[in-house]
Amino acid sequence: MKQKILIFGNGQIGAFYKSHFDKIGVKAEIANADITDLESVEREISSINPDVVINTAAKTNLEWCANNKLETFNTNVLGADNIAQTCDKHGVYFIHFSSGCIFESKDFNDAKKETSIPAPAAYYSWTKVWSEQLVQFNKSRDFKYIILRPRQPISSQFNYKNTLVKLLTFTKFIDTPNTVTVLEDLMEWTTKIIETKPVGVLNVANEGWTTPYKEALLLKKYILPGLPIEKITKSELNKLTPNKRVDTILDVTKLKRLVGKVDSIDQKLEKIIIELGNNLKAMSKEDISLQLEKTIQQSKTRTVVNDQWPSLYN
């Protein structure tokens, strides 16, 4: 694939993309621009002259976003539109990250399609809906873009934003169905998307669903034997969290049509957790501690944390 790619955002997903493209020999750079500044975005894109721009930059912590609405809006909404405007102007294919959490499913049969009507339950989710609208608003007929909606991203990399790493700090787990996106698979899907450059909105998740409780059982089996696991109801969880967490099932029919085979989460979950454990063993105690301390700071704002997580590096 002979494409030059510019990535906005150097968090979990942005860094994952950089590593992926480096491995397959595709030139990719992490942008330095302030996305809330249109001129800064213009200078960056004009300087790099990419074929594809991927925007993963966003404020994502629900509690932080609720308490910092203006900064969240500037980054998640106006920043996304600044990049979209500039890509439209320069004829660059734009991949924008939204989120599957703009939906709430009643049960595992209530799968949300790309055309389903969003029902945000948190301010962060609202900003993702608004960003989707602005990315498509007032652009030229030639503007090529795709809006990706992942859900609860997991991977084998020990990163503080990895949903699996977050769960290693919890004590209470719901057993309600949720769609999950394996980042290793997302990289492969994105590579195929870049080759064909479809336009529109796309749910990007593994087929099927799992639950935080099931994930916790596997984490206990393979990574943290002392992980305390208490199964709680969704209503009990809602009493713990300042901002409501939604359960979401995404329909991936369109994804399968565009990229071919999409593995189910049942096929991938145990393998990913085993690989996560192996990667953890290869890390230094300092790096493990650094990631967990970041995770704990966020976990304390939304749940009761356990006292076992320090054993991962002690």
Protein backbone atom coordinates (compact mmCIF):
# COMPACT_ATOMS: atom_id res chain seq x y z
CA MET A 1 0.00 0.00 0.00
CA LYS A 2 1.67 3.18 -1.21
CA GLN A 3 0.03 5.82 0.91
CA LYS A 4 1.33 8.57 3.18
CA ILE A 5 -0.69 8.73 6.37
CA LEU A 6 -0.97 11.50 8.95
CA ILE A 7 -2.39 10.57 12.36
CA PHE A 8 -3.92 13.10 14.72
CA GLY A 9 -3.82 11.88 18.31
CA ASN A 10 -1.08 9.92 20.06
CA GLY A 11 -3.20 8.00 22.55
CA GLN A 12 -3.86 4.29 22.56
CA ILE A 13 -5.39 4.07 19.07
CA GLY A 14 -3.17 6.68 17.43
CA ALA A 15 -0.02 4.97 18.72
CA PHE A 16 -1.42 1.61 17.64
CA TYR A 17 -1.85 2.91 14.09
CA LYS A 18 1.68 4.31 13.99
CA SER A 19 3.13 0.98 15.10
CA HIS A 20 0.95 -0.96 12.64
CA PHE A 21 1.85 1.14 9.62
CA ASP A 22 5.54 1.06 10.53
CA LYS A 23 5.38 -2.75 10.62
CA ILE A 24 3.81 -3.05 7.17
CA GLY A 25 6.10 -0.47 5.60
CA VAL A 26 3.59 2.35 5.17
CA LYS A 27 4.84 5.87 5.85
CA ALA A 28 2.91 7.32 8.78
CA GLU A 29 3.48 10.30 11.04
CA ILE A 30 1.90 11.56 14.24
CA ALA A 31 0.71 15.15 13.81
CA ASN A 32 2.01 17.89 16.10
CA ALA A 33 -0.74 20.40 15.34
CA ASP A 34 -3.22 21.79 17.84
CA ILE A 35 -6.48 20.58 16.30
CA THR A 36 -8.46 23.37 17.99
CA ASP A 37 -6.49 25.83 15.82
CA LEU A 38 -7.54 25.69 12.15
CA GLU A 39 -4.37 27.43 10.96
CA SER A 40 -2.22 24.94 12.86
CA VAL A 41 -4.05 22.04 11.20
CA GLU A 42 -3.69 23.71 7.80
CA ARG A 43 0.08 24.11 8.25
CA GLU A 44 0.47 20.49 9.33
CA ILE A 45 -1.47 18.98 6.45
CA SER A 46 0.10 21.32 3.88
CA SER A 47 3.57 20.44 5.16
CA ILE A 48 3.13 16.66 5.27
CA ASN A 49 0.91 16.41 2.17
CA PRO A 50 -0.67 13.09 3.21
CA ASP A 51 -2.91 10.83 1.15
CA VAL A 52 -4.91 9.85 4.23
CA VAL A 53 -5.59 11.57 7.56
CA ILE A 54 -6.77 9.60 10.59
CA ASN A 55 -8.23 11.54 13.50
CA THR A 56 -8.07 9.67 16.81
CA ALA A 57 -7.58 12.81 18.94
CA ALA A 58 -10.28 13.24 21.59
CA LYS A 59 -11.06 13.80 25.23
CA THR A 60 -12.58 10.49 26.31
CA ASN A 61 -12.91 10.15 30.10
CA LEU A 62 -16.63 10.54 30.82
CA GLU A 63 -16.20 12.21 34.19
CA TRP A 64 -13.51 14.61 32.96
CA CYS A 65 -15.57 15.52 29.89
CA ALA A 66 -18.64 16.24 32.01
CA ASN A 67 -16.62 18.60 34.20
CA ASN A 68 -14.74 20.27 31.33
CA LYS A 69 -17.41 20.72 28.69
CA LEU A 70 -15.91 23.62 26.76
CA GLU A 71 -12.47 22.04 26.34
CA THR A 72 -14.10 18.73 25.42
CA PHE A 73 -16.28 20.44 22.80
CA ASN A 74 -13.35 22.35 21.34
CA THR A 75 -11.32 19.16 20.88
CA ASN A 76 -13.95 16.54 20.08
CA VAL A 77 -16.22 18.65 17.89
CA LEU A 78 -14.53 21.79 16.57
CA GLY A 79 -11.14 20.07 16.33
CA ALA A 80 -12.62 17.25 14.26
CA ASP A 81 -14.26 19.76 11.93
CA ASN A 82 -11.01 21.71 11.55
CA ILE A 83 -9.34 18.56 10.27
CA ALA A 84 -12.31 17.68 8.05
CA GLN A 85 -12.38 21.16 6.49
CA THR A 86 -8.67 21.00 5.73
CA CYS A 87 -8.88 17.49 4.26
CA ASP A 88 -11.77 18.62 2.07
CA LYS A 89 -9.75 21.61 0.87
CA HIS A 90 -6.70 19.49 -0.02
CA GLY A 91 -8.51 16.43 -1.38
CA VAL A 92 -7.29 14.14 1.41
CA TYR A 93 -9.21 11.02 2.47
CA PHE A 94 -10.36 11.56 6.06
CA ILE A 95 -10.90 8.81 8.65
CA HIS A 96 -12.60 10.16 11.77
CA PHE A 97 -13.12 8.26 15.01
CA SER A 98 -16.51 8.49 16.63
CA SER A 99 -17.76 5.92 19.15
CA GLY A 100 -20.29 3.14 19.47
CA CYS A 101 -21.29 4.52 22.87
CA ILE A 102 -23.59 7.01 21.17
CA PHE A 103 -26.09 4.13 21.30
CA GLU A 104 -27.69 2.17 24.13
CA SER A 105 -28.95 -1.35 23.39
CA LYS A 106 -31.81 -2.93 25.34
CA ASP A 107 -30.31 -6.41 25.06
CA PHE A 108 -28.05 -8.52 22.83
CA ASN A 109 -30.72 -8.60 20.11
CA ASP A 110 -30.88 -4.81 19.91
CA ALA A 111 -27.98 -4.35 17.50
CA LYS A 112 -27.46 -0.80 16.28
CA LYS A 113 -26.81 -0.18 12.59
CA GLU A 114 -25.01 2.77 11.04
CA THR A 115 -28.42 4.30 10.30
CA SER A 116 -29.80 3.88 13.84
CA ILE A 117 -30.69 7.06 15.71
CA PRO A 118 -28.11 7.92 18.42
CA ALA A 119 -29.24 8.24 22.03
CA PRO A 120 -26.27 9.66 23.97
CA ALA A 121 -26.28 9.15 27.74
CA ALA A 122 -23.20 11.26 28.55
CA TYR A 123 -21.75 14.59 27.44
CA TYR A 124 -18.78 12.82 25.83
CA SER A 125 -21.19 10.79 23.70
CA TRP A 126 -23.00 13.95 22.64
CA THR A 127 -19.72 15.44 21.41
CA LYS A 128 -19.17 12.37 19.27
CA VAL A 129 -22.61 12.76 17.69
CA TRP A 130 -21.95 16.45 17.04
CA SER A 131 -18.55 15.66 15.54
CA GLU A 132 -20.15 13.20 13.12
CA GLN A 133 -22.58 15.88 12.02
CA LEU A 134 -19.96 18.60 11.61
CA VAL A 135 -17.55 16.36 9.71
CA GLN A 136 -20.27 15.96 7.08
CA PHE A 137 -21.60 19.52 7.26
CA ASN A 138 -20.86 22.15 4.60
CA LYS A 139 -18.29 20.12 2.69
CA SER A 140 -17.73 19.79 -1.04
CA ARG A 141 -19.30 17.04 -3.12
CA ASP A 142 -15.82 15.60 -3.67
CA PHE A 143 -15.02 15.25 0.05
CA LYS A 144 -14.15 11.65 0.86
CA TYR A 145 -14.43 10.56 4.48
CA ILE A 146 -15.40 7.66 6.67
CA ILE A 147 -16.56 7.87 10.28
CA LEU A 148 -15.58 4.82 12.35
CA ARG A 149 -17.52 3.74 15.43
CA PRO A 150 -15.51 1.36 17.65
CA ARG A 151 -16.74 0.06 20.99
CA GLN A 152 -14.82 -0.78 24.19
CA PRO A 153 -11.40 -1.18 22.51
CA ILE A 154 -9.22 -4.00 23.79
CA SER A 155 -5.83 -5.28 22.73
CA SER A 156 -2.83 -7.31 23.82
CA GLN A 157 -0.92 -4.10 24.59
CA PHE A 158 -0.67 -3.02 28.23
CA ASN A 159 -2.00 0.52 27.90
CA TYR A 160 -3.94 2.38 30.56
CA LYS A 161 -6.79 3.06 28.11
CA ASN A 162 -7.13 -0.61 27.20
CA THR A 163 -10.49 -1.76 28.58
CA LEU A 164 -8.88 -4.98 29.80
CA VAL A 165 -6.27 -3.07 31.80
CA LYS A 166 -9.01 -0.96 33.37
CA LEU A 167 -10.85 -4.12 34.44
CA LEU A 168 -7.72 -5.35 36.23
CA THR A 169 -8.28 -2.57 38.78
CA PHE A 170 -12.01 -3.22 39.40
CA THR A 171 -13.82 -5.31 42.01
CA LYS A 172 -17.38 -5.18 40.67
CA PHE A 173 -18.44 -6.34 37.22
CA ILE A 174 -21.69 -6.32 35.28
CA ASP A 175 -22.69 -9.33 33.20
CA THR A 176 -24.50 -7.43 30.46
CA PRO A 177 -23.75 -7.93 26.74
CA ASN A 178 -21.49 -5.43 24.98
CA THR A 179 -19.76 -5.26 21.65
CA VAL A 180 -15.96 -5.08 21.71
CA THR A 181 -13.34 -3.87 19.21
CA VAL A 182 -10.04 -5.76 19.08
CA LEU A 183 -7.49 -3.15 18.03
CA GLU A 184 -5.27 -5.65 16.26
CA ASP A 185 -8.23 -6.45 14.00
CA LEU A 186 -9.12 -2.77 13.59
CA MET A 187 -5.67 -2.19 12.10
CA GLU A 188 -6.29 -4.80 9.41
CA TRP A 189 -9.76 -3.47 8.66
CA THR A 190 -8.42 0.07 8.33
CA THR A 191 -5.74 -1.05 5.89
CA LYS A 192 -8.46 -2.51 3.66
CA ILE A 193 -10.61 0.61 4.05
CA ILE A 194 -7.74 2.83 2.94
CA GLU A 195 -7.30 0.71 -0.18
CA THR A 196 -10.92 1.16 -1.30
CA LYS A 197 -11.78 4.51 0.39
CA PRO A 198 -15.50 4.02 1.03
CA VAL A 199 -17.51 7.05 2.15
CA GLY A 200 -19.97 7.23 5.05
CA VAL A 201 -20.30 5.81 8.54
CA LEU A 202 -19.06 2.39 9.66
CA ASN A 203 -19.39 0.34 12.83
CA VAL A 204 -16.00 -1.24 13.54
CA ALA A 205 -16.25 -4.05 16.08
CA ASN A 206 -15.84 -7.78 16.33
CA GLU A 207 -18.92 -9.85 15.70
CA GLY A 208 -20.95 -10.97 18.69
CA TRP A 209 -20.59 -9.75 22.24
CA THR A 210 -19.07 -10.44 25.62
CA THR A 211 -19.53 -9.00 29.12
CA PRO A 212 -17.19 -7.32 31.62
CA TYR A 213 -17.82 -10.24 33.98
CA LYS A 214 -16.67 -12.79 31.39
CA GLU A 215 -13.61 -10.67 30.63
CA ALA A 216 -12.82 -10.47 34.34
CA LEU A 217 -12.93 -14.26 34.70
CA LEU A 218 -10.36 -14.63 31.92
CA LEU A 219 -8.17 -11.88 33.39
CA LYS A 220 -8.24 -13.70 36.71
CA LYS A 221 -7.36 -17.01 35.02
CA TYR A 222 -4.43 -15.73 32.95
CA ILE A 223 -3.11 -12.50 34.47
CA LEU A 224 -4.22 -11.60 38.01
CA PRO A 225 -5.20 -14.68 40.08
CA GLY A 226 -6.07 -12.51 43.07
CA LEU A 227 -8.55 -10.36 41.13
CA PRO A 228 -11.69 -10.07 43.29
CA ILE A 229 -14.80 -10.57 41.18
CA GLU A 230 -18.22 -9.52 42.39
CA LYS A 231 -21.03 -9.71 39.86
CA ILE A 232 -23.37 -6.72 40.14
CA THR A 233 -26.48 -5.54 38.35
CA LYS A 234 -26.60 -2.61 35.96
CA SER A 235 -28.65 -0.60 38.46
CA GLU A 236 -25.97 -1.17 41.08
CA LEU A 237 -23.32 0.02 38.63
CA ASN A 238 -25.31 3.16 37.90
CA LYS A 239 -25.18 4.03 41.60
CA LEU A 240 -21.37 3.79 41.53
CA THR A 241 -20.63 5.86 38.44
CA PRO A 242 -21.14 9.64 38.28
CA ASN A 243 -21.98 9.28 34.58
CA LYS A 244 -24.14 6.48 33.23
CA ARG A 245 -22.41 3.70 31.29
CA VAL A 246 -24.36 2.26 28.37
CA ASP A 247 -24.51 -1.25 27.01
CA THR A 248 -24.09 -1.28 23.24
CA ILE A 249 -24.38 -3.95 20.57
CA LEU A 250 -23.20 -2.90 17.11
CA ASP A 251 -24.34 -4.49 13.87
CA VAL A 252 -21.25 -5.22 11.74
CA THR A 253 -22.96 -6.37 8.53
CA LYS A 254 -21.61 -3.38 6.61
CA LEU A 255 -18.08 -3.93 7.97
CA LYS A 256 -18.11 -7.54 6.76
CA ARG A 257 -19.26 -6.39 3.33
CA LEU A 258 -16.39 -3.89 3.10
CA VAL A 259 -13.46 -5.84 4.59
CA GLY A 260 -14.47 -9.49 4.35
CA LYS A 261 -14.18 -11.84 7.31
CA VAL A 262 -14.68 -10.31 10.76
CA ASP A 263 -13.70 -12.58 13.66
CA SER A 264 -16.14 -12.96 16.52
CA ILE A 265 -15.14 -11.80 19.98
CA ASP A 266 -15.54 -15.40 21.15
CA GLN A 267 -12.75 -16.35 18.75
CA LYS A 268 -10.43 -13.58 19.88
CA LEU A 269 -10.98 -12.69 23.55
CA GLU A 270 -9.09 -15.48 25.29
CA LYS A 271 -6.20 -15.26 22.82
CA ILE A 272 -5.89 -11.49 23.31
CA ILE A 273 -5.87 -11.85 27.10
CA ILE A 274 -3.18 -14.55 26.96
CA GLU A 275 -1.07 -12.29 24.71
CA LEU A 276 -1.69 -9.38 27.08
CA GLY A 277 -0.30 -11.49 29.91
CA ASN A 278 2.77 -12.40 27.86
CA ASN A 279 3.38 -8.76 26.95
CA LEU A 280 3.01 -7.80 30.59
CA LYS A 281 5.76 -10.24 31.56
CA ALA A 282 8.10 -8.59 29.04
CA MET A 283 7.59 -5.10 30.49
CA SER A 284 9.67 -3.41 33.17
CA LYS A 285 8.16 -2.87 36.60
CA GLU A 286 8.43 0.87 36.05
CA ASP A 287 6.43 0.79 32.81
CA ILE A 288 3.75 -1.43 34.33
CA SER A 289 3.47 0.83 37.35
CA LEU A 290 3.21 3.93 35.14
CA GLN A 291 0.31 2.53 33.11
CA LEU A 292 -1.52 1.21 36.17
CA GLU A 293 -1.21 4.47 38.07
CA LYS A 294 -2.86 6.26 35.15
CA THR A 295 -5.58 3.63 35.08
CA ILE A 296 -6.19 3.86 38.82
CA GLN A 297 -6.67 7.62 38.70
CA GLN A 298 -9.55 7.12 36.27
CA SER A 299 -10.94 4.00 37.94
CA LYS A 300 -11.29 5.78 41.28
CA THR A 301 -13.70 8.26 39.72
CA ARG A 302 -16.14 5.55 38.65
CA THR A 303 -15.84 2.37 40.74
CA VAL A 304 -14.41 0.61 43.79
CA VAL A 305 -10.82 -0.35 42.99
CA ASN A 306 -9.19 -3.54 44.24
CA ASP A 307 -6.00 -3.91 46.27
CA GLN A 308 -4.50 -6.60 44.04
CA TRP A 309 -3.33 -4.58 41.04
CA PRO A 310 0.06 -3.64 42.62
CA SER A 311 0.98 -7.35 42.51
CA LEU A 312 1.25 -7.00 38.73
CA TYR A 313 4.60 -5.27 39.17
CA ASN A 314 5.70 -6.10 42.72
